[in-house]
Amino acid sequence: IAAKEAYLKKYEDMLAKKKREKNE
């Protein structure tokens, strides 16, 4: 679960960046 959480954290950061670009 810890390994998956790290992967999910990385994926969430990438999604947040894409979200900011889409919001702009």
PDBML (XML) file of the C-alpha atoms, coordinates in Angstrom:
<?xml version="1.0" encoding="UTF-8" ?>
<PDBx:datablock datablockName="MODEL"
   xmlns:PDBx="http://pdbml.pdb.org/schema/pdbx-v50.xsd"
   xmlns:xsi="http://www.w3.org/2001/XMLSchema-instance"
   xsi:schemaLocation="http://pdbml.pdb.org/schema/pdbx-v50.xsd pdbx-v50.xsd">
   <PDBx:atom_siteCategory>
      <PDBx:atom_site id="1">
         <PDBx:B_iso_or_equiv>0.00</PDBx:B_iso_or_equiv>
         <PDBx:Cartn_x>0.000</PDBx:Cartn_x>
         <PDBx:Cartn_y>0.000</PDBx:Cartn_y>
         <PDBx:Cartn_z>0.000</PDBx:Cartn_z>
         <PDBx:auth_asym_id>A</PDBx:auth_asym_id>
         <PDBx:auth_atom_id>CA</PDBx:auth_atom_id>
         <PDBx:auth_comp_id>ILE</PDBx:auth_comp_id>
         <PDBx:auth_seq_id>1</PDBx:auth_seq_id>
         <PDBx:group_PDB>ATOM</PDBx:group_PDB>
         <PDBx:label_alt_id xsi:nil="true" />
         <PDBx:label_asym_id>A</PDBx:label_asym_id>
         <PDBx:label_atom_id>CA</PDBx:label_atom_id>
         <PDBx:label_comp_id>ILE</PDBx:label_comp_id>
         <PDBx:label_entity_id>1</PDBx:label_entity_id>
         <PDBx:label_seq_id>1</PDBx:label_seq_id>
         <PDBx:occupancy>1.00</PDBx:occupancy>
         <PDBx:pdbx_PDB_model_num>1</PDBx:pdbx_PDB_model_num>
         <PDBx:type_symbol>C</PDBx:type_symbol>
      </PDBx:atom_site>
      <PDBx:atom_site id="2">
         <PDBx:B_iso_or_equiv>0.00</PDBx:B_iso_or_equiv>
         <PDBx:Cartn_x>2.904</PDBx:Cartn_x>
         <PDBx:Cartn_y>2.346</PDBx:Cartn_y>
         <PDBx:Cartn_z>0.797</PDBx:Cartn_z>
         <PDBx:auth_asym_id>A</PDBx:auth_asym_id>
         <PDBx:auth_atom_id>CA</PDBx:auth_atom_id>
         <PDBx:auth_comp_id>ALA</PDBx:auth_comp_id>
         <PDBx:auth_seq_id>2</PDBx:auth_seq_id>
         <PDBx:group_PDB>ATOM</PDBx:group_PDB>
         <PDBx:label_alt_id xsi:nil="true" />
         <PDBx:label_asym_id>A</PDBx:label_asym_id>
         <PDBx:label_atom_id>CA</PDBx:label_atom_id>
         <PDBx:label_comp_id>ALA</PDBx:label_comp_id>
         <PDBx:label_entity_id>1</PDBx:label_entity_id>
         <PDBx:label_seq_id>2</PDBx:label_seq_id>
         <PDBx:occupancy>1.00</PDBx:occupancy>
         <PDBx:pdbx_PDB_model_num>1</PDBx:pdbx_PDB_model_num>
         <PDBx:type_symbol>C</PDBx:type_symbol>
      </PDBx:atom_site>
      <PDBx:atom_site id="3">
         <PDBx:B_iso_or_equiv>0.00</PDBx:B_iso_or_equiv>
         <PDBx:Cartn_x>4.421</PDBx:Cartn_x>
         <PDBx:Cartn_y>1.704</PDBx:Cartn_y>
         <PDBx:Cartn_z>-2.648</PDBx:Cartn_z>
         <PDBx:auth_asym_id>A</PDBx:auth_asym_id>
         <PDBx:auth_atom_id>CA</PDBx:auth_atom_id>
         <PDBx:auth_comp_id>ALA</PDBx:auth_comp_id>
         <PDBx:auth_seq_id>3</PDBx:auth_seq_id>
         <PDBx:group_PDB>ATOM</PDBx:group_PDB>
         <PDBx:label_alt_id xsi:nil="true" />
         <PDBx:label_asym_id>A</PDBx:label_asym_id>
         <PDBx:label_atom_id>CA</PDBx:label_atom_id>
         <PDBx:label_comp_id>ALA</PDBx:label_comp_id>
         <PDBx:label_entity_id>1</PDBx:label_entity_id>
         <PDBx:label_seq_id>3</PDBx:label_seq_id>
         <PDBx:occupancy>1.00</PDBx:occupancy>
         <PDBx:pdbx_PDB_model_num>1</PDBx:pdbx_PDB_model_num>
         <PDBx:type_symbol>C</PDBx:type_symbol>
      </PDBx:atom_site>
      <PDBx:atom_site id="4">
         <PDBx:B_iso_or_equiv>0.00</PDBx:B_iso_or_equiv>
         <PDBx:Cartn_x>1.040</PDBx:Cartn_x>
         <PDBx:Cartn_y>2.272</PDBx:Cartn_y>
         <PDBx:Cartn_z>-4.296</PDBx:Cartn_z>
         <PDBx:auth_asym_id>A</PDBx:auth_asym_id>
         <PDBx:auth_atom_id>CA</PDBx:auth_atom_id>
         <PDBx:auth_comp_id>LYS</PDBx:auth_comp_id>
         <PDBx:auth_seq_id>4</PDBx:auth_seq_id>
         <PDBx:group_PDB>ATOM</PDBx:group_PDB>
         <PDBx:label_alt_id xsi:nil="true" />
         <PDBx:label_asym_id>A</PDBx:label_asym_id>
         <PDBx:label_atom_id>CA</PDBx:label_atom_id>
         <PDBx:label_comp_id>LYS</PDBx:label_comp_id>
         <PDBx:label_entity_id>1</PDBx:label_entity_id>
         <PDBx:label_seq_id>4</PDBx:label_seq_id>
         <PDBx:occupancy>1.00</PDBx:occupancy>
         <PDBx:pdbx_PDB_model_num>1</PDBx:pdbx_PDB_model_num>
         <PDBx:type_symbol>C</PDBx:type_symbol>
      </PDBx:atom_site>
      <PDBx:atom_site id="5">
         <PDBx:B_iso_or_equiv>0.00</PDBx:B_iso_or_equiv>
         <PDBx:Cartn_x>0.551</PDBx:Cartn_x>
         <PDBx:Cartn_y>5.479</PDBx:Cartn_y>
         <PDBx:Cartn_z>-2.287</PDBx:Cartn_z>
         <PDBx:auth_asym_id>A</PDBx:auth_asym_id>
         <PDBx:auth_atom_id>CA</PDBx:auth_atom_id>
         <PDBx:auth_comp_id>GLU</PDBx:auth_comp_id>
         <PDBx:auth_seq_id>5</PDBx:auth_seq_id>
         <PDBx:group_PDB>ATOM</PDBx:group_PDB>
         <PDBx:label_alt_id xsi:nil="true" />
         <PDBx:label_asym_id>A</PDBx:label_asym_id>
         <PDBx:label_atom_id>CA</PDBx:label_atom_id>
         <PDBx:label_comp_id>GLU</PDBx:label_comp_id>
         <PDBx:label_entity_id>1</PDBx:label_entity_id>
         <PDBx:label_seq_id>5</PDBx:label_seq_id>
         <PDBx:occupancy>1.00</PDBx:occupancy>
         <PDBx:pdbx_PDB_model_num>1</PDBx:pdbx_PDB_model_num>
         <PDBx:type_symbol>C</PDBx:type_symbol>
      </PDBx:atom_site>
      <PDBx:atom_site id="6">
         <PDBx:B_iso_or_equiv>0.00</PDBx:B_iso_or_equiv>
         <PDBx:Cartn_x>3.900</PDBx:Cartn_x>
         <PDBx:Cartn_y>6.808</PDBx:Cartn_y>
         <PDBx:Cartn_z>-3.546</PDBx:Cartn_z>
         <PDBx:auth_asym_id>A</PDBx:auth_asym_id>
         <PDBx:auth_atom_id>CA</PDBx:auth_atom_id>
         <PDBx:auth_comp_id>ALA</PDBx:auth_comp_id>
         <PDBx:auth_seq_id>6</PDBx:auth_seq_id>
         <PDBx:group_PDB>ATOM</PDBx:group_PDB>
         <PDBx:label_alt_id xsi:nil="true" />
         <PDBx:label_asym_id>A</PDBx:label_asym_id>
         <PDBx:label_atom_id>CA</PDBx:label_atom_id>
         <PDBx:label_comp_id>ALA</PDBx:label_comp_id>
         <PDBx:label_entity_id>1</PDBx:label_entity_id>
         <PDBx:label_seq_id>6</PDBx:label_seq_id>
         <PDBx:occupancy>1.00</PDBx:occupancy>
         <PDBx:pdbx_PDB_model_num>1</PDBx:pdbx_PDB_model_num>
         <PDBx:type_symbol>C</PDBx:type_symbol>
      </PDBx:atom_site>
      <PDBx:atom_site id="7">
         <PDBx:B_iso_or_equiv>0.00</PDBx:B_iso_or_equiv>
         <PDBx:Cartn_x>2.889</PDBx:Cartn_x>
         <PDBx:Cartn_y>5.986</PDBx:Cartn_y>
         <PDBx:Cartn_z>-7.088</PDBx:Cartn_z>
         <PDBx:auth_asym_id>A</PDBx:auth_asym_id>
         <PDBx:auth_atom_id>CA</PDBx:auth_atom_id>
         <PDBx:auth_comp_id>TYR</PDBx:auth_comp_id>
         <PDBx:auth_seq_id>7</PDBx:auth_seq_id>
         <PDBx:group_PDB>ATOM</PDBx:group_PDB>
         <PDBx:label_alt_id xsi:nil="true" />
         <PDBx:label_asym_id>A</PDBx:label_asym_id>
         <PDBx:label_atom_id>CA</PDBx:label_atom_id>
         <PDBx:label_comp_id>TYR</PDBx:label_comp_id>
         <PDBx:label_entity_id>1</PDBx:label_entity_id>
         <PDBx:label_seq_id>7</PDBx:label_seq_id>
         <PDBx:occupancy>1.00</PDBx:occupancy>
         <PDBx:pdbx_PDB_model_num>1</PDBx:pdbx_PDB_model_num>
         <PDBx:type_symbol>C</PDBx:type_symbol>
      </PDBx:atom_site>
      <PDBx:atom_site id="8">
         <PDBx:B_iso_or_equiv>0.00</PDBx:B_iso_or_equiv>
         <PDBx:Cartn_x>-0.498</PDBx:Cartn_x>
         <PDBx:Cartn_y>7.575</PDBx:Cartn_y>
         <PDBx:Cartn_z>-6.560</PDBx:Cartn_z>
         <PDBx:auth_asym_id>A</PDBx:auth_asym_id>
         <PDBx:auth_atom_id>CA</PDBx:auth_atom_id>
         <PDBx:auth_comp_id>LEU</PDBx:auth_comp_id>
         <PDBx:auth_seq_id>8</PDBx:auth_seq_id>
         <PDBx:group_PDB>ATOM</PDBx:group_PDB>
         <PDBx:label_alt_id xsi:nil="true" />
         <PDBx:label_asym_id>A</PDBx:label_asym_id>
         <PDBx:label_atom_id>CA</PDBx:label_atom_id>
         <PDBx:label_comp_id>LEU</PDBx:label_comp_id>
         <PDBx:label_entity_id>1</PDBx:label_entity_id>
         <PDBx:label_seq_id>8</PDBx:label_seq_id>
         <PDBx:occupancy>1.00</PDBx:occupancy>
         <PDBx:pdbx_PDB_model_num>1</PDBx:pdbx_PDB_model_num>
         <PDBx:type_symbol>C</PDBx:type_symbol>
      </PDBx:atom_site>
      <PDBx:atom_site id="9">
         <PDBx:B_iso_or_equiv>0.00</PDBx:B_iso_or_equiv>
         <PDBx:Cartn_x>1.158</PDBx:Cartn_x>
         <PDBx:Cartn_y>10.708</PDBx:Cartn_y>
         <PDBx:Cartn_z>-5.091</PDBx:Cartn_z>
         <PDBx:auth_asym_id>A</PDBx:auth_asym_id>
         <PDBx:auth_atom_id>CA</PDBx:auth_atom_id>
         <PDBx:auth_comp_id>LYS</PDBx:auth_comp_id>
         <PDBx:auth_seq_id>9</PDBx:auth_seq_id>
         <PDBx:group_PDB>ATOM</PDBx:group_PDB>
         <PDBx:label_alt_id xsi:nil="true" />
         <PDBx:label_asym_id>A</PDBx:label_asym_id>
         <PDBx:label_atom_id>CA</PDBx:label_atom_id>
         <PDBx:label_comp_id>LYS</PDBx:label_comp_id>
         <PDBx:label_entity_id>1</PDBx:label_entity_id>
         <PDBx:label_seq_id>9</PDBx:label_seq_id>
         <PDBx:occupancy>1.00</PDBx:occupancy>
         <PDBx:pdbx_PDB_model_num>1</PDBx:pdbx_PDB_model_num>
         <PDBx:type_symbol>C</PDBx:type_symbol>
      </PDBx:atom_site>
      <PDBx:atom_site id="10">
         <PDBx:B_iso_or_equiv>0.00</PDBx:B_iso_or_equiv>
         <PDBx:Cartn_x>3.296</PDBx:Cartn_x>
         <PDBx:Cartn_y>11.051</PDBx:Cartn_y>
         <PDBx:Cartn_z>-8.205</PDBx:Cartn_z>
         <PDBx:auth_asym_id>A</PDBx:auth_asym_id>
         <PDBx:auth_atom_id>CA</PDBx:auth_atom_id>
         <PDBx:auth_comp_id>LYS</PDBx:auth_comp_id>
         <PDBx:auth_seq_id>10</PDBx:auth_seq_id>
         <PDBx:group_PDB>ATOM</PDBx:group_PDB>
         <PDBx:label_alt_id xsi:nil="true" />
         <PDBx:label_asym_id>A</PDBx:label_asym_id>
         <PDBx:label_atom_id>CA</PDBx:label_atom_id>
         <PDBx:label_comp_id>LYS</PDBx:label_comp_id>
         <PDBx:label_entity_id>1</PDBx:label_entity_id>
         <PDBx:label_seq_id>10</PDBx:label_seq_id>
         <PDBx:occupancy>1.00</PDBx:occupancy>
         <PDBx:pdbx_PDB_model_num>1</PDBx:pdbx_PDB_model_num>
         <PDBx:type_symbol>C</PDBx:type_symbol>
      </PDBx:atom_site>
      <PDBx:atom_site id="11">
         <PDBx:B_iso_or_equiv>0.00</PDBx:B_iso_or_equiv>
         <PDBx:Cartn_x>0.258</PDBx:Cartn_x>
         <PDBx:Cartn_y>10.487</PDBx:Cartn_y>
         <PDBx:Cartn_z>-10.434</PDBx:Cartn_z>
         <PDBx:auth_asym_id>A</PDBx:auth_asym_id>
         <PDBx:auth_atom_id>CA</PDBx:auth_atom_id>
         <PDBx:auth_comp_id>TYR</PDBx:auth_comp_id>
         <PDBx:auth_seq_id>11</PDBx:auth_seq_id>
         <PDBx:group_PDB>ATOM</PDBx:group_PDB>
         <PDBx:label_alt_id xsi:nil="true" />
         <PDBx:label_asym_id>A</PDBx:label_asym_id>
         <PDBx:label_atom_id>CA</PDBx:label_atom_id>
         <PDBx:label_comp_id>TYR</PDBx:label_comp_id>
         <PDBx:label_entity_id>1</PDBx:label_entity_id>
         <PDBx:label_seq_id>11</PDBx:label_seq_id>
         <PDBx:occupancy>1.00</PDBx:occupancy>
         <PDBx:pdbx_PDB_model_num>1</PDBx:pdbx_PDB_model_num>
         <PDBx:type_symbol>C</PDBx:type_symbol>
      </PDBx:atom_site>
      <PDBx:atom_site id="12">
         <PDBx:B_iso_or_equiv>0.00</PDBx:B_iso_or_equiv>
         <PDBx:Cartn_x>-1.781</PDBx:Cartn_x>
         <PDBx:Cartn_y>13.007</PDBx:Cartn_y>
         <PDBx:Cartn_z>-8.427</PDBx:Cartn_z>
         <PDBx:auth_asym_id>A</PDBx:auth_asym_id>
         <PDBx:auth_atom_id>CA</PDBx:auth_atom_id>
         <PDBx:auth_comp_id>GLU</PDBx:auth_comp_id>
         <PDBx:auth_seq_id>12</PDBx:auth_seq_id>
         <PDBx:group_PDB>ATOM</PDBx:group_PDB>
         <PDBx:label_alt_id xsi:nil="true" />
         <PDBx:label_asym_id>A</PDBx:label_asym_id>
         <PDBx:label_atom_id>CA</PDBx:label_atom_id>
         <PDBx:label_comp_id>GLU</PDBx:label_comp_id>
         <PDBx:label_entity_id>1</PDBx:label_entity_id>
         <PDBx:label_seq_id>12</PDBx:label_seq_id>
         <PDBx:occupancy>1.00</PDBx:occupancy>
         <PDBx:pdbx_PDB_model_num>1</PDBx:pdbx_PDB_model_num>
         <PDBx:type_symbol>C</PDBx:type_symbol>
      </PDBx:atom_site>
      <PDBx:atom_site id="13">
         <PDBx:B_iso_or_equiv>0.00</PDBx:B_iso_or_equiv>
         <PDBx:Cartn_x>0.919</PDBx:Cartn_x>
         <PDBx:Cartn_y>15.664</PDBx:Cartn_y>
         <PDBx:Cartn_z>-8.889</PDBx:Cartn_z>
         <PDBx:auth_asym_id>A</PDBx:auth_asym_id>
         <PDBx:auth_atom_id>CA</PDBx:auth_atom_id>
         <PDBx:auth_comp_id>ASP</PDBx:auth_comp_id>
         <PDBx:auth_seq_id>13</PDBx:auth_seq_id>
         <PDBx:group_PDB>ATOM</PDBx:group_PDB>
         <PDBx:label_alt_id xsi:nil="true" />
         <PDBx:label_asym_id>A</PDBx:label_asym_id>
         <PDBx:label_atom_id>CA</PDBx:label_atom_id>
         <PDBx:label_comp_id>ASP</PDBx:label_comp_id>
         <PDBx:label_entity_id>1</PDBx:label_entity_id>
         <PDBx:label_seq_id>13</PDBx:label_seq_id>
         <PDBx:occupancy>1.00</PDBx:occupancy>
         <PDBx:pdbx_PDB_model_num>1</PDBx:pdbx_PDB_model_num>
         <PDBx:type_symbol>C</PDBx:type_symbol>
      </PDBx:atom_site>
      <PDBx:atom_site id="14">
         <PDBx:B_iso_or_equiv>0.00</PDBx:B_iso_or_equiv>
         <PDBx:Cartn_x>0.887</PDBx:Cartn_x>
         <PDBx:Cartn_y>15.045</PDBx:Cartn_y>
         <PDBx:Cartn_z>-12.611</PDBx:Cartn_z>
         <PDBx:auth_asym_id>A</PDBx:auth_asym_id>
         <PDBx:auth_atom_id>CA</PDBx:auth_atom_id>
         <PDBx:auth_comp_id>MET</PDBx:auth_comp_id>
         <PDBx:auth_seq_id>14</PDBx:auth_seq_id>
         <PDBx:group_PDB>ATOM</PDBx:group_PDB>
         <PDBx:label_alt_id xsi:nil="true" />
         <PDBx:label_asym_id>A</PDBx:label_asym_id>
         <PDBx:label_atom_id>CA</PDBx:label_atom_id>
         <PDBx:label_comp_id>MET</PDBx:label_comp_id>
         <PDBx:label_entity_id>1</PDBx:label_entity_id>
         <PDBx:label_seq_id>14</PDBx:label_seq_id>
         <PDBx:occupancy>1.00</PDBx:occupancy>
         <PDBx:pdbx_PDB_model_num>1</PDBx:pdbx_PDB_model_num>
         <PDBx:type_symbol>C</PDBx:type_symbol>
      </PDBx:atom_site>
      <PDBx:atom_site id="15">
         <PDBx:B_iso_or_equiv>0.00</PDBx:B_iso_or_equiv>
         <PDBx:Cartn_x>-2.938</PDBx:Cartn_x>
         <PDBx:Cartn_y>15.275</PDBx:Cartn_y>
         <PDBx:Cartn_z>-12.640</PDBx:Cartn_z>
         <PDBx:auth_asym_id>A</PDBx:auth_asym_id>
         <PDBx:auth_atom_id>CA</PDBx:auth_atom_id>
         <PDBx:auth_comp_id>LEU</PDBx:auth_comp_id>
         <PDBx:auth_seq_id>15</PDBx:auth_seq_id>
         <PDBx:group_PDB>ATOM</PDBx:group_PDB>
         <PDBx:label_alt_id xsi:nil="true" />
         <PDBx:label_asym_id>A</PDBx:label_asym_id>
         <PDBx:label_atom_id>CA</PDBx:label_atom_id>
         <PDBx:label_comp_id>LEU</PDBx:label_comp_id>
         <PDBx:label_entity_id>1</PDBx:label_entity_id>
         <PDBx:label_seq_id>15</PDBx:label_seq_id>
         <PDBx:occupancy>1.00</PDBx:occupancy>
         <PDBx:pdbx_PDB_model_num>1</PDBx:pdbx_PDB_model_num>
         <PDBx:type_symbol>C</PDBx:type_symbol>
      </PDBx:atom_site>
      <PDBx:atom_site id="16">
         <PDBx:B_iso_or_equiv>0.00</PDBx:B_iso_or_equiv>
         <PDBx:Cartn_x>-2.804</PDBx:Cartn_x>
         <PDBx:Cartn_y>18.517</PDBx:Cartn_y>
         <PDBx:Cartn_z>-10.624</PDBx:Cartn_z>
         <PDBx:auth_asym_id>A</PDBx:auth_asym_id>
         <PDBx:auth_atom_id>CA</PDBx:auth_atom_id>
         <PDBx:auth_comp_id>ALA</PDBx:auth_comp_id>
         <PDBx:auth_seq_id>16</PDBx:auth_seq_id>
         <PDBx:group_PDB>ATOM</PDBx:group_PDB>
         <PDBx:label_alt_id xsi:nil="true" />
         <PDBx:label_asym_id>A</PDBx:label_asym_id>
         <PDBx:label_atom_id>CA</PDBx:label_atom_id>
         <PDBx:label_comp_id>ALA</PDBx:label_comp_id>
         <PDBx:label_entity_id>1</PDBx:label_entity_id>
         <PDBx:label_seq_id>16</PDBx:label_seq_id>
         <PDBx:occupancy>1.00</PDBx:occupancy>
         <PDBx:pdbx_PDB_model_num>1</PDBx:pdbx_PDB_model_num>
         <PDBx:type_symbol>C</PDBx:type_symbol>
      </PDBx:atom_site>
      <PDBx:atom_site id="17">
         <PDBx:B_iso_or_equiv>0.00</PDBx:B_iso_or_equiv>
         <PDBx:Cartn_x>-0.412</PDBx:Cartn_x>
         <PDBx:Cartn_y>20.036</PDBx:Cartn_y>
         <PDBx:Cartn_z>-13.185</PDBx:Cartn_z>
         <PDBx:auth_asym_id>A</PDBx:auth_asym_id>
         <PDBx:auth_atom_id>CA</PDBx:auth_atom_id>
         <PDBx:auth_comp_id>LYS</PDBx:auth_comp_id>
         <PDBx:auth_seq_id>17</PDBx:auth_seq_id>
         <PDBx:group_PDB>ATOM</PDBx:group_PDB>
         <PDBx:label_alt_id xsi:nil="true" />
         <PDBx:label_asym_id>A</PDBx:label_asym_id>
         <PDBx:label_atom_id>CA</PDBx:label_atom_id>
         <PDBx:label_comp_id>LYS</PDBx:label_comp_id>
         <PDBx:label_entity_id>1</PDBx:label_entity_id>
         <PDBx:label_seq_id>17</PDBx:label_seq_id>
         <PDBx:occupancy>1.00</PDBx:occupancy>
         <PDBx:pdbx_PDB_model_num>1</PDBx:pdbx_PDB_model_num>
         <PDBx:type_symbol>C</PDBx:type_symbol>
      </PDBx:atom_site>
      <PDBx:atom_site id="18">
         <PDBx:B_iso_or_equiv>0.00</PDBx:B_iso_or_equiv>
         <PDBx:Cartn_x>-2.699</PDBx:Cartn_x>
         <PDBx:Cartn_y>18.999</PDBx:Cartn_y>
         <PDBx:Cartn_z>-16.050</PDBx:Cartn_z>
         <PDBx:auth_asym_id>A</PDBx:auth_asym_id>
         <PDBx:auth_atom_id>CA</PDBx:auth_atom_id>
         <PDBx:auth_comp_id>LYS</PDBx:auth_comp_id>
         <PDBx:auth_seq_id>18</PDBx:auth_seq_id>
         <PDBx:group_PDB>ATOM</PDBx:group_PDB>
         <PDBx:label_alt_id xsi:nil="true" />
         <PDBx:label_asym_id>A</PDBx:label_asym_id>
         <PDBx:label_atom_id>CA</PDBx:label_atom_id>
         <PDBx:label_comp_id>LYS</PDBx:label_comp_id>
         <PDBx:label_entity_id>1</PDBx:label_entity_id>
         <PDBx:label_seq_id>18</PDBx:label_seq_id>
         <PDBx:occupancy>1.00</PDBx:occupancy>
         <PDBx:pdbx_PDB_model_num>1</PDBx:pdbx_PDB_model_num>
         <PDBx:type_symbol>C</PDBx:type_symbol>
      </PDBx:atom_site>
      <PDBx:atom_site id="19">
         <PDBx:B_iso_or_equiv>0.00</PDBx:B_iso_or_equiv>
         <PDBx:Cartn_x>-5.655</PDBx:Cartn_x>
         <PDBx:Cartn_y>20.334</PDBx:Cartn_y>
         <PDBx:Cartn_z>-14.116</PDBx:Cartn_z>
         <PDBx:auth_asym_id>A</PDBx:auth_asym_id>
         <PDBx:auth_atom_id>CA</PDBx:auth_atom_id>
         <PDBx:auth_comp_id>LYS</PDBx:auth_comp_id>
         <PDBx:auth_seq_id>19</PDBx:auth_seq_id>
         <PDBx:group_PDB>ATOM</PDBx:group_PDB>
         <PDBx:label_alt_id xsi:nil="true" />
         <PDBx:label_asym_id>A</PDBx:label_asym_id>
         <PDBx:label_atom_id>CA</PDBx:label_atom_id>
         <PDBx:label_comp_id>LYS</PDBx:label_comp_id>
         <PDBx:label_entity_id>1</PDBx:label_entity_id>
         <PDBx:label_seq_id>19</PDBx:label_seq_id>
         <PDBx:occupancy>1.00</PDBx:occupancy>
         <PDBx:pdbx_PDB_model_num>1</PDBx:pdbx_PDB_model_num>
         <PDBx:type_symbol>C</PDBx:type_symbol>
      </PDBx:atom_site>
      <PDBx:atom_site id="20">
         <PDBx:B_iso_or_equiv>0.00</PDBx:B_iso_or_equiv>
         <PDBx:Cartn_x>-3.972</PDBx:Cartn_x>
         <PDBx:Cartn_y>23.764</PDBx:Cartn_y>
         <PDBx:Cartn_z>-13.722</PDBx:Cartn_z>
         <PDBx:auth_asym_id>A</PDBx:auth_asym_id>
         <PDBx:auth_atom_id>CA</PDBx:auth_atom_id>
         <PDBx:auth_comp_id>ARG</PDBx:auth_comp_id>
         <PDBx:auth_seq_id>20</PDBx:auth_seq_id>
         <PDBx:group_PDB>ATOM</PDBx:group_PDB>
         <PDBx:label_alt_id xsi:nil="true" />
         <PDBx:label_asym_id>A</PDBx:label_asym_id>
         <PDBx:label_atom_id>CA</PDBx:label_atom_id>
         <PDBx:label_comp_id>ARG</PDBx:label_comp_id>
         <PDBx:label_entity_id>1</PDBx:label_entity_id>
         <PDBx:label_seq_id>20</PDBx:label_seq_id>
         <PDBx:occupancy>1.00</PDBx:occupancy>
         <PDBx:pdbx_PDB_model_num>1</PDBx:pdbx_PDB_model_num>
         <PDBx:type_symbol>C</PDBx:type_symbol>
      </PDBx:atom_site>
      <PDBx:atom_site id="21">
         <PDBx:B_iso_or_equiv>0.00</PDBx:B_iso_or_equiv>
         <PDBx:Cartn_x>-3.235</PDBx:Cartn_x>
         <PDBx:Cartn_y>23.868</PDBx:Cartn_y>
         <PDBx:Cartn_z>-17.445</PDBx:Cartn_z>
         <PDBx:auth_asym_id>A</PDBx:auth_asym_id>
         <PDBx:auth_atom_id>CA</PDBx:auth_atom_id>
         <PDBx:auth_comp_id>GLU</PDBx:auth_comp_id>
         <PDBx:auth_seq_id>21</PDBx:auth_seq_id>
         <PDBx:group_PDB>ATOM</PDBx:group_PDB>
         <PDBx:label_alt_id xsi:nil="true" />
         <PDBx:label_asym_id>A</PDBx:label_asym_id>
         <PDBx:label_atom_id>CA</PDBx:label_atom_id>
         <PDBx:label_comp_id>GLU</PDBx:label_comp_id>
         <PDBx:label_entity_id>1</PDBx:label_entity_id>
         <PDBx:label_seq_id>21</PDBx:label_seq_id>
         <PDBx:occupancy>1.00</PDBx:occupancy>
         <PDBx:pdbx_PDB_model_num>1</PDBx:pdbx_PDB_model_num>
         <PDBx:type_symbol>C</PDBx:type_symbol>
      </PDBx:atom_site>
      <PDBx:atom_site id="22">
         <PDBx:B_iso_or_equiv>0.00</PDBx:B_iso_or_equiv>
         <PDBx:Cartn_x>-6.827</PDBx:Cartn_x>
         <PDBx:Cartn_y>22.906</PDBx:Cartn_y>
         <PDBx:Cartn_z>-18.260</PDBx:Cartn_z>
         <PDBx:auth_asym_id>A</PDBx:auth_asym_id>
         <PDBx:auth_atom_id>CA</PDBx:auth_atom_id>
         <PDBx:auth_comp_id>LYS</PDBx:auth_comp_id>
         <PDBx:auth_seq_id>22</PDBx:auth_seq_id>
         <PDBx:group_PDB>ATOM</PDBx:group_PDB>
         <PDBx:label_alt_id xsi:nil="true" />
         <PDBx:label_asym_id>A</PDBx:label_asym_id>
         <PDBx:label_atom_id>CA</PDBx:label_atom_id>
         <PDBx:label_comp_id>LYS</PDBx:label_comp_id>
         <PDBx:label_entity_id>1</PDBx:label_entity_id>
         <PDBx:label_seq_id>22</PDBx:label_seq_id>
         <PDBx:occupancy>1.00</PDBx:occupancy>
         <PDBx:pdbx_PDB_model_num>1</PDBx:pdbx_PDB_model_num>
         <PDBx:type_symbol>C</PDBx:type_symbol>
      </PDBx:atom_site>
      <PDBx:atom_site id="23">
         <PDBx:B_iso_or_equiv>0.00</PDBx:B_iso_or_equiv>
         <PDBx:Cartn_x>-8.158</PDBx:Cartn_x>
         <PDBx:Cartn_y>25.497</PDBx:Cartn_y>
         <PDBx:Cartn_z>-15.806</PDBx:Cartn_z>
         <PDBx:auth_asym_id>A</PDBx:auth_asym_id>
         <PDBx:auth_atom_id>CA</PDBx:auth_atom_id>
         <PDBx:auth_comp_id>ASN</PDBx:auth_comp_id>
         <PDBx:auth_seq_id>23</PDBx:auth_seq_id>
         <PDBx:group_PDB>ATOM</PDBx:group_PDB>
         <PDBx:label_alt_id xsi:nil="true" />
         <PDBx:label_asym_id>A</PDBx:label_asym_id>
         <PDBx:label_atom_id>CA</PDBx:label_atom_id>
         <PDBx:label_comp_id>ASN</PDBx:label_comp_id>
         <PDBx:label_entity_id>1</PDBx:label_entity_id>
         <PDBx:label_seq_id>23</PDBx:label_seq_id>
         <PDBx:occupancy>1.00</PDBx:occupancy>
         <PDBx:pdbx_PDB_model_num>1</PDBx:pdbx_PDB_model_num>
         <PDBx:type_symbol>C</PDBx:type_symbol>
      </PDBx:atom_site>
      <PDBx:atom_site id="24">
         <PDBx:B_iso_or_equiv>0.00</PDBx:B_iso_or_equiv>
         <PDBx:Cartn_x>-6.069</PDBx:Cartn_x>
         <PDBx:Cartn_y>28.218</PDBx:Cartn_y>
         <PDBx:Cartn_z>-17.487</PDBx:Cartn_z>
         <PDBx:auth_asym_id>A</PDBx:auth_asym_id>
         <PDBx:auth_atom_id>CA</PDBx:auth_atom_id>
         <PDBx:auth_comp_id>GLU</PDBx:auth_comp_id>
         <PDBx:auth_seq_id>24</PDBx:auth_seq_id>
         <PDBx:group_PDB>ATOM</PDBx:group_PDB>
         <PDBx:label_alt_id xsi:nil="true" />
         <PDBx:label_asym_id>A</PDBx:label_asym_id>
         <PDBx:label_atom_id>CA</PDBx:label_atom_id>
         <PDBx:label_comp_id>GLU</PDBx:label_comp_id>
         <PDBx:label_entity_id>1</PDBx:label_entity_id>
         <PDBx:label_seq_id>24</PDBx:label_seq_id>
         <PDBx:occupancy>1.00</PDBx:occupancy>
         <PDBx:pdbx_PDB_model_num>1</PDBx:pdbx_PDB_model_num>
         <PDBx:type_symbol>C</PDBx:type_symbol>
      </PDBx:atom_site>
   </PDBx:atom_siteCategory>
</PDBx:datablock>
